[in-house]
Amino acid sequence: MKLRIEDDTLRLRLSEGELAEFAQQGRVEGAVHFGLGPEQRLTYALERGSERPQTMLNEEPVQIHYEPGALTVLVPFELAKTWLETDQNGFSHNLPLADNQHLRILVEKDLDCKH
């Protein structure tokens, strides 16, 4: 899975194999290692919500869970299902932040990727 971070934009691109893993398991993750120790890495993931609606962390349909060393994009079940089962290449969401800022989240299929 490719991760691109630029200013207040976060973009994930999933290969065909990663799409299959996400469809089957509801989660796919990658990691970037910055040093020798396990604490010197960043894991990033795309995770699908439950088929049964649960209480969301807030009112936003796409959410971010961040803690030091781990970043997860949380996607509602129905949005993930529609994205996976159609020709829809991707989806985006502008997540409101403090001070009238937004984090733009883009999740896309990277079907031309052969690695």
PDB file of N, CA and C in Angstrom:
ATOM      1  N   MET A   1       0.861  -1.169   0.000  1.00  0.00           N
ATOM      2  CA  MET A   1       0.000   0.000   0.000  1.00  0.00           C
ATOM      3  C   MET A   1       0.901   1.224   0.000  1.00  0.00           C
ATOM      4  N   LYS A   2       0.570   2.136  -0.860  1.00  0.00           N
ATOM      5  CA  LYS A   2       1.334   3.374  -0.943  1.00  0.00           C
ATOM      6  C   LYS A   2       0.709   4.414  -0.020  1.00  0.00           C
ATOM      7  N   LEU A   3       1.559   5.124   0.693  1.00  0.00           N
ATOM      8  CA  LEU A   3       1.138   6.209   1.567  1.00  0.00           C
ATOM      9  C   LEU A   3       1.797   7.485   1.073  1.00  0.00           C
ATOM     10  N   ARG A   4       0.996   8.505   0.905  1.00  0.00           N
ATOM     11  CA  ARG A   4       1.533   9.806   0.523  1.00  0.00           C
ATOM     12  C   ARG A   4       0.965  10.838   1.481  1.00  0.00           C
ATOM     13  N   ILE A   5       1.854  11.606   2.070  1.00  0.00           N
ATOM     14  CA  ILE A   5       1.457  12.676   2.988  1.00  0.00           C
ATOM     15  C   ILE A   5       2.043  13.974   2.462  1.00  0.00           C
ATOM     16  N   GLU A   6       1.180  14.947   2.260  1.00  0.00           N
ATOM     17  CA  GLU A   6       1.635  16.254   1.812  1.00  0.00           C
ATOM     18  C   GLU A   6       0.747  17.304   2.453  1.00  0.00           C
ATOM     19  N   ASP A   7       1.375  18.189   3.219  1.00  0.00           N
ATOM     20  CA  ASP A   7       0.636  19.206   3.953  1.00  0.00           C
ATOM     21  C   ASP A   7      -0.517  18.536   4.714  1.00  0.00           C
ATOM     22  N   ASP A   8      -1.741  18.968   4.505  1.00  0.00           N
ATOM     23  CA  ASP A   8      -2.883  18.361   5.189  1.00  0.00           C
ATOM     24  C   ASP A   8      -3.653  17.420   4.266  1.00  0.00           C
ATOM     25  N   THR A   9      -2.920  16.607   3.517  1.00  0.00           N
ATOM     26  CA  THR A   9      -3.522  15.604   2.643  1.00  0.00           C
ATOM     27  C   THR A   9      -2.877  14.253   2.913  1.00  0.00           C
ATOM     28  N   LEU A  10      -3.707  13.254   3.092  1.00  0.00           N
ATOM     29  CA  LEU A  10      -3.269  11.881   3.323  1.00  0.00           C
ATOM     30  C   LEU A  10      -3.872  11.028   2.215  1.00  0.00           C
ATOM     31  N   ARG A  11      -3.013  10.295   1.493  1.00  0.00           N
ATOM     32  CA  ARG A  11      -3.489   9.501   0.355  1.00  0.00           C
ATOM     33  C   ARG A  11      -2.984   8.071   0.481  1.00  0.00           C
ATOM     34  N   LEU A  12      -3.905   7.116   0.363  1.00  0.00           N
ATOM     35  CA  LEU A  12      -3.578   5.694   0.350  1.00  0.00           C
ATOM     36  C   LEU A  12      -3.958   5.123  -1.004  1.00  0.00           C
ATOM     37  N   ARG A  13      -3.049   4.326  -1.586  1.00  0.00           N
ATOM     38  CA  ARG A  13      -3.329   3.653  -2.862  1.00  0.00           C
ATOM     39  C   ARG A  13      -3.081   2.168  -2.669  1.00  0.00           C
ATOM     40  N   LEU A  14      -4.091   1.362  -2.971  1.00  0.00           N
ATOM     41  CA  LEU A  14      -4.025  -0.080  -2.752  1.00  0.00           C
ATOM     42  C   LEU A  14      -3.889  -0.834  -4.066  1.00  0.00           C
ATOM     43  N   SER A  15      -2.958  -1.789  -4.096  1.00  0.00           N
ATOM     44  CA  SER A  15      -2.787  -2.667  -5.252  1.00  0.00           C
ATOM     45  C   SER A  15      -3.941  -3.671  -5.293  1.00  0.00           C
ATOM     46  N   GLU A  16      -3.989  -4.440  -6.352  1.00  0.00           N
ATOM     47  CA  GLU A  16      -5.049  -5.442  -6.508  1.00  0.00           C
ATOM     48  C   GLU A  16      -5.021  -6.466  -5.366  1.00  0.00           C
ATOM     49  N   GLY A  17      -3.828  -6.927  -4.993  1.00  0.00           N
ATOM     50  CA  GLY A  17      -3.693  -7.872  -3.888  1.00  0.00           C
ATOM     51  C   GLY A  17      -4.124  -7.278  -2.557  1.00  0.00           C
ATOM     52  N   GLU A  18      -3.791  -6.027  -2.347  1.00  0.00           N
ATOM     53  CA  GLU A  18      -4.183  -5.348  -1.109  1.00  0.00           C
ATOM     54  C   GLU A  18      -5.687  -5.126  -1.063  1.00  0.00           C
ATOM     55  N   LEU A  19      -6.297  -4.849  -2.218  1.00  0.00           N
ATOM     56  CA  LEU A  19      -7.758  -4.730  -2.273  1.00  0.00           C
ATOM     57  C   LEU A  19      -8.421  -6.044  -1.884  1.00  0.00           C
ATOM     58  N   ALA A  20      -7.874  -7.155  -2.376  1.00  0.00           N
ATOM     59  CA  ALA A  20      -8.422  -8.473  -2.031  1.00  0.00           C
ATOM     60  C   ALA A  20      -8.278  -8.741  -0.540  1.00  0.00           C
ATOM     61  N   GLU A  21      -7.142  -8.401   0.031  1.00  0.00           N
ATOM     62  CA  GLU A  21      -6.917  -8.580   1.471  1.00  0.00           C
ATOM     63  C   GLU A  21      -7.886  -7.722   2.276  1.00  0.00           C
ATOM     64  N   PHE A  22      -8.072  -6.472   1.862  1.00  0.00           N
ATOM     65  CA  PHE A  22      -8.998  -5.576   2.543  1.00  0.00           C
ATOM     66  C   PHE A  22     -10.424  -6.106   2.455  1.00  0.00           C
ATOM     67  N   ALA A  23     -10.814  -6.605   1.285  1.00  0.00           N
ATOM     68  CA  ALA A  23     -12.162  -7.152   1.103  1.00  0.00           C
ATOM     69  C   ALA A  23     -12.386  -8.363   1.995  1.00  0.00           C
ATOM     70  N   GLN A  24     -11.380  -9.210   2.128  1.00  0.00           N
ATOM     71  CA  GLN A  24     -11.519 -10.437   2.909  1.00  0.00           C
ATOM     72  C   GLN A  24     -11.379 -10.204   4.407  1.00  0.00           C
ATOM     73  N   GLN A  25     -10.390  -9.424   4.805  1.00  0.00           N
ATOM     74  CA  GLN A  25     -10.080  -9.277   6.227  1.00  0.00           C
ATOM     75  C   GLN A  25     -10.591  -7.987   6.863  1.00  0.00           C
ATOM     76  N   GLY A  26     -10.932  -7.004   6.034  1.00  0.00           N
ATOM     77  CA  GLY A  26     -11.414  -5.742   6.579  1.00  0.00           C
ATOM     78  C   GLY A  26     -10.308  -4.816   7.041  1.00  0.00           C
ATOM     79  N   ARG A  27      -9.062  -5.204   6.767  1.00  0.00           N
ATOM     80  CA  ARG A  27      -7.925  -4.375   7.180  1.00  0.00           C
ATOM     81  C   ARG A  27      -6.722  -4.730   6.319  1.00  0.00           C
ATOM     82  N   VAL A  28      -5.971  -3.714   5.964  1.00  0.00           N
ATOM     83  CA  VAL A  28      -4.695  -3.897   5.282  1.00  0.00           C
ATOM     84  C   VAL A  28      -3.752  -2.855   5.876  1.00  0.00           C
ATOM     85  N   GLU A  29      -2.486  -3.255   6.066  1.00  0.00           N
ATOM     86  CA  GLU A  29      -1.552  -2.307   6.660  1.00  0.00           C
ATOM     87  C   GLU A  29      -0.175  -2.418   6.037  1.00  0.00           C
ATOM     88  N   GLY A  30       0.565  -1.338   6.174  1.00  0.00           N
ATOM     89  CA  GLY A  30       1.941  -1.269   5.717  1.00  0.00           C
ATOM     90  C   GLY A  30       2.771  -0.606   6.797  1.00  0.00           C
ATOM     91  N   ALA A  31       4.071  -0.532   6.566  1.00  0.00           N
ATOM     92  CA  ALA A  31       4.954   0.085   7.554  1.00  0.00           C
ATOM     93  C   ALA A  31       6.139   0.734   6.858  1.00  0.00           C
ATOM     94  N   VAL A  32       6.629   1.798   7.474  1.00  0.00           N
ATOM     95  CA  VAL A  32       7.862   2.460   7.062  1.00  0.00           C
ATOM     96  C   VAL A  32       8.801   2.382   8.253  1.00  0.00           C
ATOM     97  N   HIS A  33       9.993   1.830   8.030  1.00  0.00           N
ATOM     98  CA  HIS A  33      10.992   1.702   9.100  1.00  0.00           C
ATOM     99  C   HIS A  33      12.002   2.839   8.983  1.00  0.00           C
ATOM    100  N   PHE A  34      12.249   3.509  10.102  1.00  0.00           N
ATOM    101  CA  PHE A  34      13.162   4.644  10.119  1.00  0.00           C
ATOM    102  C   PHE A  34      14.461   4.335  10.857  1.00  0.00           C
ATOM    103  N   GLY A  35      14.560   3.171  11.429  1.00  0.00           N
ATOM    104  CA  GLY A  35      15.756   2.778  12.172  1.00  0.00           C
ATOM    105  C   GLY A  35      15.708   1.309  12.503  1.00  0.00           C
ATOM    106  N   LEU A  36      16.607   0.882  13.374  1.00  0.00           N
ATOM    107  CA  LEU A  36      16.745  -0.536  13.691  1.00  0.00           C
ATOM    108  C   LEU A  36      15.696  -1.053  14.674  1.00  0.00           C
ATOM    109  N   GLY A  37      15.223  -0.214  15.571  1.00  0.00           N
ATOM    110  CA  GLY A  37      14.298  -0.661  16.605  1.00  0.00           C
ATOM    111  C   GLY A  37      12.851  -0.640  16.156  1.00  0.00           C
ATOM    112  N   PRO A  38      12.007  -1.498  16.777  1.00  0.00           N
ATOM    113  CA  PRO A  38      10.580  -1.547  16.412  1.00  0.00           C
ATOM    114  C   PRO A  38       9.850  -0.236  16.694  1.00  0.00           C
ATOM    115  N   GLU A  39      10.356   0.552  17.631  1.00  0.00           N
ATOM    116  CA  GLU A  39       9.727   1.835  17.934  1.00  0.00           C
ATOM    117  C   GLU A  39      10.072   2.894  16.885  1.00  0.00           C
ATOM    118  N   GLN A  40      10.956   2.566  15.968  1.00  0.00           N
ATOM    119  CA  GLN A  40      11.370   3.511  14.928  1.00  0.00           C
ATOM    120  C   GLN A  40      10.706   3.173  13.594  1.00  0.00           C
ATOM    121  N   ARG A  41       9.410   2.978  13.665  1.00  0.00           N
ATOM    122  CA  ARG A  41       8.648   2.712  12.451  1.00  0.00           C
ATOM    123  C   ARG A  41       7.281   3.358  12.561  1.00  0.00           C
ATOM    124  N   LEU A  42       6.682   3.556  11.417  1.00  0.00           N
ATOM    125  CA  LEU A  42       5.318   4.057  11.330  1.00  0.00           C
ATOM    126  C   LEU A  42       4.496   2.997  10.624  1.00  0.00           C
ATOM    127  N   THR A  43       3.464   2.494  11.285  1.00  0.00           N
ATOM    128  CA  THR A  43       2.532   1.594  10.617  1.00  0.00           C
ATOM    129  C   THR A  43       1.333   2.433  10.177  1.00  0.00           C
ATOM    130  N   TYR A  44       0.807   2.095   9.025  1.00  0.00           N
ATOM    131  CA  TYR A  44      -0.369   2.791   8.508  1.00  0.00           C
ATOM    132  C   TYR A  44      -1.330   1.736   7.982  1.00  0.00           C
ATOM    133  N   ALA A  45      -2.612   1.987   8.176  1.00  0.00           N
ATOM    134  CA  ALA A  45      -3.607   0.963   7.857  1.00  0.00           C
ATOM    135  C   ALA A  45      -4.888   1.590   7.333  1.00  0.00           C
ATOM    136  N   LEU A  46      -5.616   0.770   6.570  1.00  0.00           N
ATOM    137  CA  LEU A  46      -6.977   1.078   6.164  1.00  0.00           C
ATOM    138  C   LEU A  46      -7.841   0.009   6.801  1.00  0.00           C
ATOM    139  N   GLU A  47      -8.857   0.427   7.523  1.00  0.00           N
ATOM    140  CA  GLU A  47      -9.695  -0.519   8.261  1.00  0.00           C
ATOM    141  C   GLU A  47     -11.166  -0.241   7.986  1.00  0.00           C
ATOM    142  N   ARG A  48     -11.900  -1.311   7.743  1.00  0.00           N
ATOM    143  CA  ARG A  48     -13.336  -1.230   7.471  1.00  0.00           C
ATOM    144  C   ARG A  48     -14.106  -1.396   8.775  1.00  0.00           C
ATOM    145  N   GLY A  49     -15.161  -0.618   8.921  1.00  0.00           N
ATOM    146  CA  GLY A  49     -16.022  -0.755  10.080  1.00  0.00           C
ATOM    147  C   GLY A  49     -16.855  -2.025  10.018  1.00  0.00           C
ATOM    148  N   SER A  50     -17.567  -2.281  11.067  1.00  0.00           N
ATOM    149  CA  SER A  50     -18.412  -3.463  11.186  1.00  0.00           C
ATOM    150  C   SER A  50     -19.629  -3.353  10.271  1.00  0.00           C
ATOM    151  N   GLU A  51     -20.138  -4.517   9.858  1.00  0.00           N
ATOM    152  CA  GLU A  51     -21.350  -4.542   9.036  1.00  0.00           C
ATOM    153  C   GLU A  51     -22.540  -3.991   9.814  1.00  0.00           C
ATOM    154  N   ARG A  52     -22.531  -4.233  11.112  1.00  0.00           N
ATOM    155  CA  ARG A  52     -23.579  -3.674  11.969  1.00  0.00           C
ATOM    156  C   ARG A  52     -23.123  -2.295  12.422  1.00  0.00           C
ATOM    157  N   PRO A  53     -23.930  -1.279  12.182  1.00  0.00           N
ATOM    158  CA  PRO A  53     -23.523   0.074  12.578  1.00  0.00           C
ATOM    159  C   PRO A  53     -23.230   0.129  14.080  1.00  0.00           C
ATOM    160  N   GLN A  54     -22.137   0.777  14.403  1.00  0.00           N
ATOM    161  CA  GLN A  54     -21.760   0.989  15.797  1.00  0.00           C
ATOM    162  C   GLN A  54     -21.653   2.481  16.030  1.00  0.00           C
ATOM    163  N   THR A  55     -21.487   2.843  17.260  1.00  0.00           N
ATOM    164  CA  THR A  55     -21.290   4.247  17.570  1.00  0.00           C
ATOM    165  C   THR A  55     -19.943   4.676  17.013  1.00  0.00           C
ATOM    166  N   MET A  56     -19.951   5.680  16.158  1.00  0.00           N
ATOM    167  CA  MET A  56     -18.727   6.185  15.564  1.00  0.00           C
ATOM    168  C   MET A  56     -18.043   7.104  16.576  1.00  0.00           C
ATOM    169  N   LEU A  57     -16.739   7.311  16.364  1.00  0.00           N
ATOM    170  CA  LEU A  57     -15.984   8.200  17.239  1.00  0.00           C
ATOM    171  C   LEU A  57     -16.529   9.618  17.179  1.00  0.00           C
ATOM    172  N   ASN A  58     -17.000  10.013  16.008  1.00  0.00           N
ATOM    173  CA  ASN A  58     -17.638  11.313  15.833  1.00  0.00           C
ATOM    174  C   ASN A  58     -18.597  11.198  14.658  1.00  0.00           C
ATOM    175  N   GLU A  59     -19.066  12.297  14.145  1.00  0.00           N
ATOM    176  CA  GLU A  59     -20.074  12.273  13.089  1.00  0.00           C
ATOM    177  C   GLU A  59     -19.494  12.072  11.691  1.00  0.00           C
ATOM    178  N   GLU A  60     -18.192  12.082  11.540  1.00  0.00           N
ATOM    179  CA  GLU A  60     -17.573  11.997  10.226  1.00  0.00           C
ATOM    180  C   GLU A  60     -17.614  10.574   9.679  1.00  0.00           C
ATOM    181  N   PRO A  61     -17.928  10.414   8.379  1.00  0.00           N
ATOM    182  CA  PRO A  61     -18.001   9.068   7.804  1.00  0.00           C
ATOM    183  C   PRO A  61     -16.638   8.390   7.690  1.00  0.00           C
ATOM    184  N   VAL A  62     -15.596   9.133   7.362  1.00  0.00           N
ATOM    185  CA  VAL A  62     -14.238   8.599   7.308  1.00  0.00           C
ATOM    186  C   VAL A  62     -13.479   9.246   8.458  1.00  0.00           C
ATOM    187  N   GLN A  63     -12.786   8.413   9.226  1.00  0.00           N
ATOM    188  CA  GLN A  63     -12.119   8.917  10.415  1.00  0.00           C
ATOM    189  C   GLN A  63     -10.662   8.494  10.434  1.00  0.00           C
ATOM    190  N   ILE A  64      -9.901   9.164  11.254  1.00  0.00           N
ATOM    191  CA  ILE A  64      -8.487   8.856  11.459  1.00  0.00           C
ATOM    192  C   ILE A  64      -8.279   8.505  12.922  1.00  0.00           C
ATOM    193  N   HIS A  65      -7.538   7.437  13.149  1.00  0.00           N
ATOM    194  CA  HIS A  65      -7.082   7.133  14.508  1.00  0.00           C
ATOM    195  C   HIS A  65      -5.564   7.228  14.463  1.00  0.00           C
ATOM    196  N   TYR A  66      -5.020   8.123  15.274  1.00  0.00           N
ATOM    197  CA  TYR A  66      -3.571   8.309  15.293  1.00  0.00           C
ATOM    198  C   TYR A  66      -3.060   8.173  16.713  1.00  0.00           C
ATOM    199  N   GLU A  67      -1.989   7.432  16.843  1.00  0.00           N
ATOM    200  CA  GLU A  67      -1.208   7.391  18.075  1.00  0.00           C
ATOM    201  C   GLU A  67       0.244   7.289  17.627  1.00  0.00           C
ATOM    202  N   PRO A  68       1.186   7.673  18.451  1.00  0.00           N
ATOM    203  CA  PRO A  68       2.583   7.645  18.013  1.00  0.00           C
ATOM    204  C   PRO A  68       2.971   6.295  17.401  1.00  0.00           C
ATOM    205  N   GLY A  69       3.424   6.348  16.166  1.00  0.00           N
ATOM    206  CA  GLY A  69       3.866   5.152  15.465  1.00  0.00           C
ATOM    207  C   GLY A  69       2.777   4.398  14.720  1.00  0.00           C
ATOM    208  N   ALA A  70       1.527   4.864  14.791  1.00  0.00           N
ATOM    209  CA  ALA A  70       0.438   4.129  14.134  1.00  0.00           C
ATOM    210  C   ALA A  70      -0.643   5.097  13.648  1.00  0.00           C
ATOM    211  N   LEU A  71      -1.018   4.932  12.387  1.00  0.00           N
ATOM    212  CA  LEU A  71      -2.034   5.752  11.752  1.00  0.00           C
ATOM    213  C   LEU A  71      -3.032   4.818  11.071  1.00  0.00           C
ATOM    214  N   THR A  72      -4.312   4.971  11.387  1.00  0.00           N
ATOM    215  CA  THR A  72      -5.348   4.126  10.789  1.00  0.00           C
ATOM    216  C   THR A  72      -6.449   4.997  10.207  1.00  0.00           C
ATOM    217  N   VAL A  73      -6.805   4.722   8.952  1.00  0.00           N
ATOM    218  CA  VAL A  73      -7.953   5.359   8.311  1.00  0.00           C
ATOM    219  C   VAL A  73      -9.120   4.396   8.491  1.00  0.00           C
ATOM    220  N   LEU A  74     -10.188   4.865   9.122  1.00  0.00           N
ATOM    221  CA  LEU A  74     -11.369   4.056   9.407  1.00  0.00           C
ATOM    222  C   LEU A  74     -12.480   4.415   8.426  1.00  0.00           C
ATOM    223  N   VAL A  75     -13.004   3.398   7.751  1.00  0.00           N
ATOM    224  CA  VAL A  75     -14.005   3.594   6.702  1.00  0.00           C
ATOM    225  C   VAL A  75     -15.276   2.823   7.062  1.00  0.00           C
ATOM    226  N   PRO A  76     -16.442   3.439   6.946  1.00  0.00           N
ATOM    227  CA  PRO A  76     -17.687   2.719   7.221  1.00  0.00           C
ATOM    228  C   PRO A  76     -17.854   1.516   6.296  1.00  0.00           C
ATOM    229  N   PHE A  77     -18.507   0.485   6.795  1.00  0.00           N
ATOM    230  CA  PHE A  77     -18.695  -0.765   6.055  1.00  0.00           C
ATOM    231  C   PHE A  77     -19.317  -0.529   4.685  1.00  0.00           C
ATOM    232  N   GLU A  78     -20.409   0.218   4.619  1.00  0.00           N
ATOM    233  CA  GLU A  78     -21.129   0.417   3.359  1.00  0.00           C
ATOM    234  C   GLU A  78     -20.289   1.170   2.334  1.00  0.00           C
ATOM    235  N   LEU A  79     -19.538   2.164   2.771  1.00  0.00           N
ATOM    236  CA  LEU A  79     -18.662   2.897   1.854  1.00  0.00           C
ATOM    237  C   LEU A  79     -17.590   1.969   1.288  1.00  0.00           C
ATOM    238  N   ALA A  80     -16.980   1.163   2.154  1.00  0.00           N
ATOM    239  CA  ALA A  80     -15.957   0.208   1.712  1.00  0.00           C
ATOM    240  C   ALA A  80     -16.552  -0.812   0.744  1.00  0.00           C
ATOM    241  N   LYS A  81     -17.731  -1.311   1.047  1.00  0.00           N
ATOM    242  CA  LYS A  81     -18.386  -2.321   0.201  1.00  0.00           C
ATOM    243  C   LYS A  81     -18.662  -1.763  -1.190  1.00  0.00           C
ATOM    244  N   THR A  82     -19.222  -0.575  -1.261  1.00  0.00           N
ATOM    245  CA  THR A  82     -19.510   0.057  -2.546  1.00  0.00           C
ATOM    246  C   THR A  82     -18.226   0.274  -3.332  1.00  0.00           C
ATOM    247  N   TRP A  83     -17.195   0.772  -2.680  1.00  0.00           N
ATOM    248  CA  TRP A  83     -15.915   1.030  -3.333  1.00  0.00           C
ATOM    249  C   TRP A  83     -15.307  -0.254  -3.892  1.00  0.00           C
ATOM    250  N   LEU A  84     -15.352  -1.329  -3.116  1.00  0.00           N
ATOM    251  CA  LEU A  84     -14.753  -2.589  -3.536  1.00  0.00           C
ATOM    252  C   LEU A  84     -15.530  -3.284  -4.652  1.00  0.00           C
ATOM    253  N   GLU A  85     -16.845  -3.162  -4.632  1.00  0.00           N
ATOM    254  CA  GLU A  85     -17.693  -3.934  -5.548  1.00  0.00           C
ATOM    255  C   GLU A  85     -18.077  -3.200  -6.825  1.00  0.00           C
ATOM    256  N   THR A  86     -17.594  -1.986  -7.000  1.00  0.00           N
ATOM    257  CA  THR A  86     -17.937  -1.215  -8.205  1.00  0.00           C
ATOM    258  C   THR A  86     -16.659  -0.767  -8.913  1.00  0.00           C
ATOM    259  N   ASP A  87     -16.856  -0.068 -10.014  1.00  0.00           N
ATOM    260  CA  ASP A  87     -15.730   0.493 -10.762  1.00  0.00           C
ATOM    261  C   ASP A  87     -15.236   1.800 -10.156  1.00  0.00           C
ATOM    262  N   GLN A  88     -15.833   2.214  -9.065  1.00  0.00           N
ATOM    263  CA  GLN A  88     -15.423   3.448  -8.400  1.00  0.00           C
ATOM    264  C   GLN A  88     -13.940   3.339  -8.039  1.00  0.00           C
ATOM    265  N   ASN A  89     -13.118   4.249  -8.555  1.00  0.00           N
ATOM    266  CA  ASN A  89     -11.677   4.186  -8.342  1.00  0.00           C
ATOM    267  C   ASN A  89     -11.276   4.570  -6.919  1.00  0.00           C
ATOM    268  N   GLY A  90     -11.995   5.494  -6.327  1.00  0.00           N
ATOM    269  CA  GLY A  90     -11.602   5.930  -4.993  1.00  0.00           C
ATOM    270  C   GLY A  90     -12.678   6.761  -4.338  1.00  0.00           C
ATOM    271  N   PHE A  91     -12.338   7.246  -3.181  1.00  0.00           N
ATOM    272  CA  PHE A  91     -13.221   8.160  -2.467  1.00  0.00           C
ATOM    273  C   PHE A  91     -12.357   9.136  -1.687  1.00  0.00           C
ATOM    274  N   SER A  92     -12.945  10.260  -1.336  1.00  0.00           N
ATOM    275  CA  SER A  92     -12.216  11.256  -0.560  1.00  0.00           C
ATOM    276  C   SER A  92     -13.144  11.842   0.495  1.00  0.00           C
ATOM    277  N   HIS A  93     -12.526  12.452   1.469  1.00  0.00           N
ATOM    278  CA  HIS A  93     -13.285  13.084   2.538  1.00  0.00           C
ATOM    279  C   HIS A  93     -12.434  14.196   3.135  1.00  0.00           C
ATOM    280  N   ASN A  94     -13.057  15.309   3.438  1.00  0.00           N
ATOM    281  CA  ASN A  94     -12.388  16.401   4.134  1.00  0.00           C
ATOM    282  C   ASN A  94     -12.785  16.344   5.599  1.00  0.00           C
ATOM    283  N   LEU A  95     -11.849  15.932   6.432  1.00  0.00           N
ATOM    284  CA  LEU A  95     -12.099  15.779   7.861  1.00  0.00           C
ATOM    285  C   LEU A  95     -11.811  17.106   8.567  1.00  0.00           C
ATOM    286  N   PRO A  96     -12.815  17.704   9.213  1.00  0.00           N
ATOM    287  CA  PRO A  96     -12.589  18.976   9.902  1.00  0.00           C
ATOM    288  C   PRO A  96     -11.618  18.809  11.076  1.00  0.00           C
ATOM    289  N   LEU A  97     -10.737  19.793  11.214  1.00  0.00           N
ATOM    290  CA  LEU A  97      -9.770  19.821  12.304  1.00  0.00           C
ATOM    291  C   LEU A  97      -9.967  21.116  13.094  1.00  0.00           C
ATOM    292  N   ALA A  98      -9.132  21.328  14.071  1.00  0.00           N
ATOM    293  CA  ALA A  98      -9.192  22.551  14.873  1.00  0.00           C
ATOM    294  C   ALA A  98      -8.795  23.757  14.021  1.00  0.00           C
ATOM    295  N   ASP A  99      -9.163  24.912  14.463  1.00  0.00           N
ATOM    296  CA  ASP A  99      -8.785  26.180  13.832  1.00  0.00           C
ATOM    297  C   ASP A  99      -9.210  26.268  12.366  1.00  0.00           C
ATOM    298  N   ASN A 100     -10.372  25.731  12.055  1.00  0.00           N
ATOM    299  CA  ASN A 100     -10.946  25.805  10.711  1.00  0.00           C
ATOM    300  C   ASN A 100     -10.062  25.158   9.640  1.00  0.00           C
ATOM    301  N   GLN A 101      -9.273  24.174  10.013  1.00  0.00           N
ATOM    302  CA  GLN A 101      -8.456  23.427   9.066  1.00  0.00           C
ATOM    303  C   GLN A 101      -9.148  22.115   8.718  1.00  0.00           C
ATOM    304  N   HIS A 102      -8.664  21.465   7.660  1.00  0.00           N
ATOM    305  CA  HIS A 102      -9.204  20.177   7.222  1.00  0.00           C
ATOM    306  C   HIS A 102      -8.063  19.245   6.846  1.00  0.00           C
ATOM    307  N   LEU A 103      -8.278  17.955   7.077  1.00  0.00           N
ATOM    308  CA  LEU A 103      -7.379  16.922   6.583  1.00  0.00           C
ATOM    309  C   LEU A 103      -8.092  16.265   5.414  1.00  0.00           C
ATOM    310  N   ARG A 104      -7.488  16.333   4.251  1.00  0.00           N
ATOM    311  CA  ARG A 104      -8.077  15.692   3.069  1.00  0.00           C
ATOM    312  C   ARG A 104      -7.589  14.257   3.026  1.00  0.00           C
ATOM    313  N   ILE A 105      -8.526  13.319   3.001  1.00  0.00           N
ATOM    314  CA  ILE A 105      -8.213  11.894   2.971  1.00  0.00           C
ATOM    315  C   ILE A 105      -8.650  11.358   1.618  1.00  0.00           C
ATOM    316  N   LEU A 106      -7.710  10.723   0.902  1.00  0.00           N
ATOM    317  CA  LEU A 106      -8.006  10.095  -0.383  1.00  0.00           C
ATOM    318  C   LEU A 106      -7.619   8.628  -0.283  1.00  0.00           C
ATOM    319  N   VAL A 107      -8.508   7.754  -0.737  1.00  0.00           N
ATOM    320  CA  VAL A 107      -8.232   6.318  -0.787  1.00  0.00           C
ATOM    321  C   VAL A 107      -8.559   5.872  -2.202  1.00  0.00           C
ATOM    322  N   GLU A 108      -7.579   5.225  -2.858  1.00  0.00           N
ATOM    323  CA  GLU A 108      -7.742   4.905  -4.268  1.00  0.00           C
ATOM    324  C   GLU A 108      -7.269   3.494  -4.592  1.00  0.00           C
ATOM    325  N   LYS A 109      -7.830   2.944  -5.648  1.00  0.00           N
ATOM    326  CA  LYS A 109      -7.360   1.670  -6.204  1.00  0.00           C
ATOM    327  C   LYS A 109      -6.159   1.987  -7.105  1.00  0.00           C
ATOM    328  N   ASP A 110      -5.104   1.226  -6.956  1.00  0.00           N
ATOM    329  CA  ASP A 110      -3.888   1.395  -7.752  1.00  0.00           C
ATOM    330  C   ASP A 110      -3.747   0.154  -8.638  1.00  0.00           C
ATOM    331  N   LEU A 111      -4.662  -0.002  -9.585  1.00  0.00           N
ATOM    332  CA  LEU A 111      -4.765  -1.236 -10.354  1.00  0.00           C
ATOM    333  C   LEU A 111      -3.670  -1.413 -11.400  1.00  0.00           C
ATOM    334  N   ASP A 112      -2.954  -0.359 -11.738  1.00  0.00           N
ATOM    335  CA  ASP A 112      -1.857  -0.470 -12.689  1.00  0.00           C
ATOM    336  C   ASP A 112      -0.569  -0.922 -12.003  1.00  0.00           C
ATOM    337  N   CYS A 113      -0.601  -0.976 -10.684  1.00  0.00           N
ATOM    338  CA  CYS A 113       0.588  -1.330  -9.905  1.00  0.00           C
ATOM    339  C   CYS A 113       0.885  -2.822 -10.032  1.00  0.00           C
ATOM    340  N   LYS A 114       2.117  -3.167 -10.337  1.00  0.00           N
ATOM    341  CA  LYS A 114       2.493  -4.576 -10.538  1.00  0.00           C
ATOM    342  C   LYS A 114       3.478  -5.077  -9.486  1.00  0.00           C
ATOM    343  N   HIS A 115       3.699  -4.316  -8.401  1.00  0.00           N
ATOM    344  CA  HIS A 115       4.647  -4.807  -7.384  1.00  0.00           C
ATOM    345  C   HIS A 115       3.961  -5.412  -6.205  1.00  0.00           C
TER     346      HIS A 115
END
